Amino acid sequence: MHRWEYRILHMPTTSLSVLNERVNNDAREGWEPFMMSGNDFVNIIMRRPIEQGEVKEQN
C-alpha cells in the first residue's frame, strides 16, 4: 500500500501556459495531479508516493 505526500497548487488561470509548465515540471519530479477546481484561480491537489520510513519536512 502506498503512502503519499500531498501538495496544493493555487494559481491564477490568466496564463494557462504557465500553469501547464508548472504542472508538467512537478510531474517530472514525481507529483501526480489528481483533483482540480476553480474559476479565476485554480486549486490543484497533487500527490506522490513516499517510501516507508521516509520523512518529508513541511515548508
N, C-alpha and C. Protein backbone atom coordinates (compact mmCIF):
# COMPACT_ATOMS: atom_id res chain seq x y z
N MET A 1 0.83 -1.18 0.00
CA MET A 1 0.00 0.00 0.00
C MET A 1 0.88 1.25 0.00
N HIS A 2 0.56 2.19 -0.87
CA HIS A 2 1.33 3.43 -0.97
C HIS A 2 0.98 4.39 0.16
N ARG A 3 2.00 5.10 0.62
CA ARG A 3 1.80 6.28 1.46
C ARG A 3 2.10 7.46 0.56
N TRP A 4 1.41 8.56 0.77
CA TRP A 4 1.52 9.71 -0.12
C TRP A 4 1.90 10.97 0.64
N GLU A 5 2.60 11.85 -0.05
CA GLU A 5 2.72 13.23 0.42
C GLU A 5 1.93 14.07 -0.56
N TYR A 6 1.40 15.18 -0.07
CA TYR A 6 0.48 16.00 -0.86
C TYR A 6 0.98 17.43 -0.99
N ARG A 7 0.56 18.06 -2.07
CA ARG A 7 0.86 19.46 -2.33
C ARG A 7 -0.37 20.08 -2.97
N ILE A 8 -0.67 21.31 -2.60
CA ILE A 8 -1.78 22.03 -3.22
C ILE A 8 -1.23 23.24 -3.95
N LEU A 9 -1.48 23.31 -5.24
CA LEU A 9 -1.11 24.47 -6.03
C LEU A 9 -2.32 25.40 -6.11
N HIS A 10 -2.09 26.68 -5.92
CA HIS A 10 -3.14 27.69 -6.04
C HIS A 10 -2.59 28.73 -7.00
N MET A 11 -3.11 28.73 -8.24
CA MET A 11 -2.55 29.60 -9.26
C MET A 11 -3.67 30.28 -10.06
N PRO A 12 -3.38 31.49 -10.58
CA PRO A 12 -4.38 32.16 -11.42
C PRO A 12 -4.50 31.46 -12.77
N THR A 13 -5.67 31.54 -13.34
CA THR A 13 -5.90 30.91 -14.66
C THR A 13 -5.67 31.89 -15.80
N THR A 14 -5.06 33.03 -15.51
CA THR A 14 -4.83 34.04 -16.55
C THR A 14 -3.81 33.59 -17.58
N SER A 15 -2.92 32.68 -17.21
CA SER A 15 -1.92 32.19 -18.14
C SER A 15 -1.86 30.67 -18.06
N LEU A 16 -2.60 30.03 -18.96
CA LEU A 16 -2.63 28.57 -18.94
C LEU A 16 -1.28 27.96 -19.30
N SER A 17 -0.48 28.65 -20.10
CA SER A 17 0.83 28.10 -20.45
C SER A 17 1.73 28.02 -19.21
N VAL A 18 1.66 29.03 -18.33
CA VAL A 18 2.44 28.99 -17.08
C VAL A 18 1.92 27.88 -16.18
N LEU A 19 0.62 27.73 -16.09
CA LEU A 19 0.01 26.68 -15.29
C LEU A 19 0.43 25.30 -15.81
N ASN A 20 0.36 25.11 -17.11
CA ASN A 20 0.77 23.83 -17.71
C ASN A 20 2.24 23.54 -17.44
N GLU A 21 3.09 24.56 -17.56
CA GLU A 21 4.52 24.37 -17.32
C GLU A 21 4.77 23.95 -15.89
N ARG A 22 4.09 24.58 -14.94
CA ARG A 22 4.27 24.24 -13.53
C ARG A 22 3.84 22.79 -13.25
N VAL A 23 2.67 22.42 -13.76
CA VAL A 23 2.17 21.05 -13.53
C VAL A 23 3.10 20.03 -14.18
N ASN A 24 3.56 20.30 -15.38
CA ASN A 24 4.48 19.38 -16.06
C ASN A 24 5.81 19.26 -15.34
N ASN A 25 6.34 20.38 -14.83
CA ASN A 25 7.59 20.33 -14.06
C ASN A 25 7.42 19.50 -12.80
N ASP A 26 6.31 19.71 -12.09
CA ASP A 26 6.05 18.92 -10.88
C ASP A 26 5.87 17.44 -11.22
N ALA A 27 5.22 17.15 -12.33
CA ALA A 27 5.03 15.75 -12.75
C ALA A 27 6.36 15.07 -13.01
N ARG A 28 7.33 15.80 -13.56
CA ARG A 28 8.66 15.22 -13.79
C ARG A 28 9.36 14.89 -12.47
N GLU A 29 8.95 15.57 -11.39
CA GLU A 29 9.51 15.29 -10.06
C GLU A 29 8.71 14.22 -9.32
N GLY A 30 7.76 13.61 -10.01
CA GLY A 30 7.00 12.51 -9.40
C GLY A 30 5.64 12.89 -8.87
N TRP A 31 5.26 14.18 -8.96
CA TRP A 31 3.95 14.61 -8.47
C TRP A 31 2.87 14.27 -9.47
N GLU A 32 1.75 13.79 -8.98
CA GLU A 32 0.61 13.38 -9.80
C GLU A 32 -0.59 14.27 -9.47
N PRO A 33 -1.06 15.08 -10.44
CA PRO A 33 -2.28 15.85 -10.17
C PRO A 33 -3.47 14.91 -10.15
N PHE A 34 -4.32 15.02 -9.13
CA PHE A 34 -5.47 14.12 -9.11
C PHE A 34 -6.78 14.80 -8.77
N MET A 35 -6.76 16.11 -8.48
CA MET A 35 -8.02 16.82 -8.28
C MET A 35 -7.77 18.29 -8.60
N MET A 36 -8.75 18.91 -9.29
CA MET A 36 -8.60 20.30 -9.66
C MET A 36 -9.96 20.98 -9.59
N SER A 37 -9.98 22.24 -9.12
CA SER A 37 -11.22 23.01 -9.11
C SER A 37 -10.86 24.49 -9.16
N GLY A 38 -11.82 25.31 -9.57
CA GLY A 38 -11.60 26.74 -9.56
C GLY A 38 -12.16 27.44 -10.78
N ASN A 39 -12.11 28.76 -10.74
CA ASN A 39 -12.54 29.62 -11.84
C ASN A 39 -11.43 30.60 -12.18
N ASP A 40 -11.36 31.73 -11.48
CA ASP A 40 -10.29 32.70 -11.71
C ASP A 40 -8.95 32.20 -11.20
N PHE A 41 -8.99 31.41 -10.15
CA PHE A 41 -7.82 30.73 -9.62
C PHE A 41 -8.12 29.24 -9.62
N VAL A 42 -7.10 28.45 -9.84
CA VAL A 42 -7.30 27.01 -9.85
C VAL A 42 -6.53 26.42 -8.67
N ASN A 43 -7.15 25.46 -8.02
CA ASN A 43 -6.50 24.69 -6.96
C ASN A 43 -6.29 23.28 -7.49
N ILE A 44 -5.05 22.84 -7.46
CA ILE A 44 -4.72 21.50 -7.94
C ILE A 44 -4.09 20.74 -6.78
N ILE A 45 -4.71 19.65 -6.40
CA ILE A 45 -4.13 18.79 -5.37
C ILE A 45 -3.25 17.77 -6.08
N MET A 46 -2.00 17.72 -5.65
CA MET A 46 -1.04 16.80 -6.25
C MET A 46 -0.52 15.87 -5.17
N ARG A 47 -0.10 14.70 -5.58
CA ARG A 47 0.45 13.74 -4.63
C ARG A 47 1.59 12.97 -5.29
N ARG A 48 2.43 12.40 -4.45
CA ARG A 48 3.47 11.48 -4.92
C ARG A 48 3.73 10.47 -3.83
N PRO A 49 4.08 9.26 -4.22
CA PRO A 49 4.31 8.22 -3.22
C PRO A 49 5.60 8.49 -2.45
N ILE A 50 5.60 8.09 -1.19
CA ILE A 50 6.80 8.16 -0.37
C ILE A 50 7.11 6.76 0.11
N GLU A 51 8.38 6.52 0.30
CA GLU A 51 8.81 5.22 0.80
C GLU A 51 8.52 5.14 2.29
N GLN A 52 8.25 3.95 2.77
CA GLN A 52 8.02 3.78 4.19
C GLN A 52 9.29 4.17 4.93
N GLY A 53 9.13 4.90 6.01
CA GLY A 53 10.27 5.36 6.79
C GLY A 53 10.83 6.69 6.31
N GLU A 54 10.43 7.12 5.12
CA GLU A 54 10.91 8.40 4.60
C GLU A 54 10.08 9.52 5.22
N VAL A 55 10.74 10.52 5.74
CA VAL A 55 10.05 11.63 6.39
C VAL A 55 10.31 12.88 5.57
N LYS A 56 9.25 13.61 5.22
CA LYS A 56 9.36 14.85 4.47
C LYS A 56 9.13 16.02 5.41
N GLU A 57 9.92 17.06 5.25
CA GLU A 57 9.71 18.27 6.04
C GLU A 57 8.70 19.16 5.37
N GLN A 58 7.88 19.83 6.17
CA GLN A 58 6.90 20.80 5.67
C GLN A 58 7.58 22.15 5.60
N ASN A 59 7.36 22.87 4.50
CA ASN A 59 7.89 24.25 4.36
C ASN A 59 6.83 25.24 4.68
